[in-house]
Amino acid sequence: MVTILAIIFGLLLVFAIVRVAQIKLGLTKGPIYHYSIAMQHGLKLPDLRKNHNLRGKIKIISMTDDTCMVQSKINDTELKTTLMKDYGLDSTQVLVEEVQK
């Protein structure tokens, strides 16, 4: 009986460790999209790492003053709408384009 409980506990522990590693590495289920986010008309890109509405939805790959490459769990329309709403931008000021891997 103790052996069976030890095996079950061990399997649960392994599952928990693997799941935490998946979350930390961004390997959760669901599609991952790759986007380039660019500011237009000479605007500087806001620091997307500080955006609470995007936390957990995007992973920043690289960033310059006016362009950012991200992996995203949300589609381009939702990403652009979130950026426009959060930073008071109109559709001509921010460009979100899908990038082929």
C-alpha atoms as a PDB file:
ATOM      1  CA  MET A   1       0.000   0.000   0.000  1.00  0.00           C
ATOM      2  CA  VAL A   2       2.810   2.398   0.903  1.00  0.00           C
ATOM      3  CA  THR A   3       4.573   1.554  -2.370  1.00  0.00           C
ATOM      4  CA  ILE A   4       1.471   2.372  -4.419  1.00  0.00           C
ATOM      5  CA  LEU A   5       1.037   5.698  -2.619  1.00  0.00           C
ATOM      6  CA  ALA A   6       4.720   6.501  -3.152  1.00  0.00           C
ATOM      7  CA  ILE A   7       4.399   5.765  -6.885  1.00  0.00           C
ATOM      8  CA  ILE A   8       1.273   7.926  -7.188  1.00  0.00           C
ATOM      9  CA  PHE A   9       2.921  10.752  -5.249  1.00  0.00           C
ATOM     10  CA  GLY A  10       6.034  10.476  -7.442  1.00  0.00           C
ATOM     11  CA  LEU A  11       3.982  10.650 -10.641  1.00  0.00           C
ATOM     12  CA  LEU A  12       2.071  13.680  -9.382  1.00  0.00           C
ATOM     13  CA  LEU A  13       5.336  15.373  -8.452  1.00  0.00           C
ATOM     14  CA  VAL A  14       6.808  14.712 -11.908  1.00  0.00           C
ATOM     15  CA  PHE A  15       3.624  16.031 -13.568  1.00  0.00           C
ATOM     16  CA  ALA A  16       3.751  19.204 -11.451  1.00  0.00           C
ATOM     17  CA  ILE A  17       7.420  19.823 -12.278  1.00  0.00           C
ATOM     18  CA  VAL A  18       6.841  19.314 -16.016  1.00  0.00           C
ATOM     19  CA  ARG A  19       3.805  21.621 -15.976  1.00  0.00           C
ATOM     20  CA  VAL A  20       5.702  24.400 -14.184  1.00  0.00           C
ATOM     21  CA  ALA A  21       8.545  24.058 -16.707  1.00  0.00           C
ATOM     22  CA  GLN A  22       6.073  24.292 -19.611  1.00  0.00           C
ATOM     23  CA  ILE A  23       4.534  27.457 -18.192  1.00  0.00           C
ATOM     24  CA  LYS A  24       7.934  29.063 -17.500  1.00  0.00           C
ATOM     25  CA  LEU A  25       9.128  28.275 -21.025  1.00  0.00           C
ATOM     26  CA  GLY A  26       5.891  29.410 -22.656  1.00  0.00           C
ATOM     27  CA  LEU A  27       5.058  25.946 -23.960  1.00  0.00           C
ATOM     28  CA  THR A  28       1.424  25.968 -22.940  1.00  0.00           C
ATOM     29  CA  LYS A  29      -1.255  24.561 -25.217  1.00  0.00           C
ATOM     30  CA  GLY A  30      -2.831  26.652 -27.915  1.00  0.00           C
ATOM     31  CA  PRO A  31      -1.593  28.356 -31.051  1.00  0.00           C
ATOM     32  CA  ILE A  32       1.329  30.753 -30.842  1.00  0.00           C
ATOM     33  CA  TYR A  33       1.423  33.612 -33.349  1.00  0.00           C
ATOM     34  CA  HIS A  34       4.504  35.647 -34.284  1.00  0.00           C
ATOM     35  CA  TYR A  35       3.991  39.373 -34.816  1.00  0.00           C
ATOM     36  CA  SER A  36       5.932  42.498 -35.543  1.00  0.00           C
ATOM     37  CA  ILE A  37       4.514  45.547 -33.752  1.00  0.00           C
ATOM     38  CA  ALA A  38       5.615  48.886 -35.208  1.00  0.00           C
ATOM     39  CA  MET A  39       4.786  52.477 -34.346  1.00  0.00           C
ATOM     40  CA  GLN A  40       4.054  54.873 -37.190  1.00  0.00           C
ATOM     41  CA  HIS A  41       4.402  58.663 -37.594  1.00  0.00           C
ATOM     42  CA  GLY A  42       7.596  58.833 -35.512  1.00  0.00           C
ATOM     43  CA  LEU A  43       5.992  57.528 -32.312  1.00  0.00           C
ATOM     44  CA  LYS A  44       8.051  55.539 -29.815  1.00  0.00           C
ATOM     45  CA  LEU A  45       6.859  52.097 -28.863  1.00  0.00           C
ATOM     46  CA  PRO A  46       5.630  51.958 -25.244  1.00  0.00           C
ATOM     47  CA  ASP A  47       7.251  49.460 -22.877  1.00  0.00           C
ATOM     48  CA  LEU A  48       4.991  46.461 -23.497  1.00  0.00           C
ATOM     49  CA  ARG A  49       6.534  44.589 -20.557  1.00  0.00           C
ATOM     50  CA  LYS A  50       4.635  46.952 -18.242  1.00  0.00           C
ATOM     51  CA  ASN A  51       1.237  46.408 -19.915  1.00  0.00           C
ATOM     52  CA  HIS A  52      -0.916  44.391 -17.512  1.00  0.00           C
ATOM     53  CA  ASN A  53      -3.511  43.602 -20.216  1.00  0.00           C
ATOM     54  CA  LEU A  54      -0.856  41.817 -22.285  1.00  0.00           C
ATOM     55  CA  ARG A  55       0.883  40.006 -19.425  1.00  0.00           C
ATOM     56  CA  GLY A  56       0.751  36.272 -20.054  1.00  0.00           C
ATOM     57  CA  LYS A  57      -0.540  36.822 -23.595  1.00  0.00           C
ATOM     58  CA  ILE A  58       2.671  37.913 -25.324  1.00  0.00           C
ATOM     59  CA  LYS A  59       6.344  37.080 -25.051  1.00  0.00           C
ATOM     60  CA  ILE A  60       8.745  39.765 -26.252  1.00  0.00           C
ATOM     61  CA  ILE A  61      11.449  38.370 -28.531  1.00  0.00           C
ATOM     62  CA  SER A  62      13.216  41.635 -29.430  1.00  0.00           C
ATOM     63  CA  MET A  63      12.508  45.341 -29.083  1.00  0.00           C
ATOM     64  CA  THR A  64      13.764  48.669 -30.463  1.00  0.00           C
ATOM     65  CA  ASP A  65      12.416  52.204 -29.990  1.00  0.00           C
ATOM     66  CA  ASP A  66       9.722  51.765 -32.643  1.00  0.00           C
ATOM     67  CA  THR A  67       9.433  48.014 -33.347  1.00  0.00           C
ATOM     68  CA  CYS A  68       8.869  44.895 -31.281  1.00  0.00           C
ATOM     69  CA  MET A  69       8.859  41.213 -32.229  1.00  0.00           C
ATOM     70  CA  VAL A  70       6.531  39.107 -30.065  1.00  0.00           C
ATOM     71  CA  GLN A  71       5.066  35.644 -29.719  1.00  0.00           C
ATOM     72  CA  SER A  72       1.382  35.910 -28.894  1.00  0.00           C
ATOM     73  CA  LYS A  73      -1.498  33.734 -27.777  1.00  0.00           C
ATOM     74  CA  ILE A  74      -3.976  36.284 -29.165  1.00  0.00           C
ATOM     75  CA  ASN A  75      -4.621  37.173 -32.795  1.00  0.00           C
ATOM     76  CA  ASP A  76      -3.444  40.333 -34.549  1.00  0.00           C
ATOM     77  CA  THR A  77      -6.804  42.108 -34.336  1.00  0.00           C
ATOM     78  CA  GLU A  78      -7.102  41.599 -30.585  1.00  0.00           C
ATOM     79  CA  LEU A  79      -3.463  42.597 -30.087  1.00  0.00           C
ATOM     80  CA  LYS A  80      -3.848  45.808 -32.122  1.00  0.00           C
ATOM     81  CA  THR A  81      -7.148  46.682 -30.406  1.00  0.00           C
ATOM     82  CA  THR A  82      -5.560  46.199 -26.982  1.00  0.00           C
ATOM     83  CA  LEU A  83      -2.622  48.435 -27.908  1.00  0.00           C
ATOM     84  CA  MET A  84      -4.905  51.143 -29.317  1.00  0.00           C
ATOM     85  CA  LYS A  85      -7.144  51.107 -26.249  1.00  0.00           C
ATOM     86  CA  ASP A  86      -4.374  50.957 -23.643  1.00  0.00           C
ATOM     87  CA  TYR A  87      -2.215  53.684 -25.192  1.00  0.00           C
ATOM     88  CA  GLY A  88      -4.851  55.941 -26.785  1.00  0.00           C
ATOM     89  CA  LEU A  89      -3.731  55.234 -30.341  1.00  0.00           C
ATOM     90  CA  ASP A  90      -5.677  55.167 -33.574  1.00  0.00           C
ATOM     91  CA  SER A  91      -5.347  52.468 -36.220  1.00  0.00           C
ATOM     92  CA  THR A  92      -2.857  54.487 -38.294  1.00  0.00           C
ATOM     93  CA  GLN A  93      -0.410  54.866 -35.404  1.00  0.00           C
ATOM     94  CA  VAL A  94       0.267  51.193 -34.690  1.00  0.00           C
ATOM     95  CA  LEU A  95       0.941  48.375 -37.148  1.00  0.00           C
ATOM     96  CA  VAL A  96       0.667  44.699 -36.170  1.00  0.00           C
ATOM     97  CA  GLU A  97       1.811  42.225 -38.831  1.00  0.00           C
ATOM     98  CA  GLU A  98       2.178  38.461 -38.714  1.00  0.00           C
ATOM     99  CA  VAL A  99       5.734  37.237 -39.212  1.00  0.00           C
ATOM    100  CA  GLN A 100       6.487  33.850 -40.745  1.00  0.00           C
ATOM    101  CA  LYS A 101       8.691  31.636 -38.600  1.00  0.00           C
END
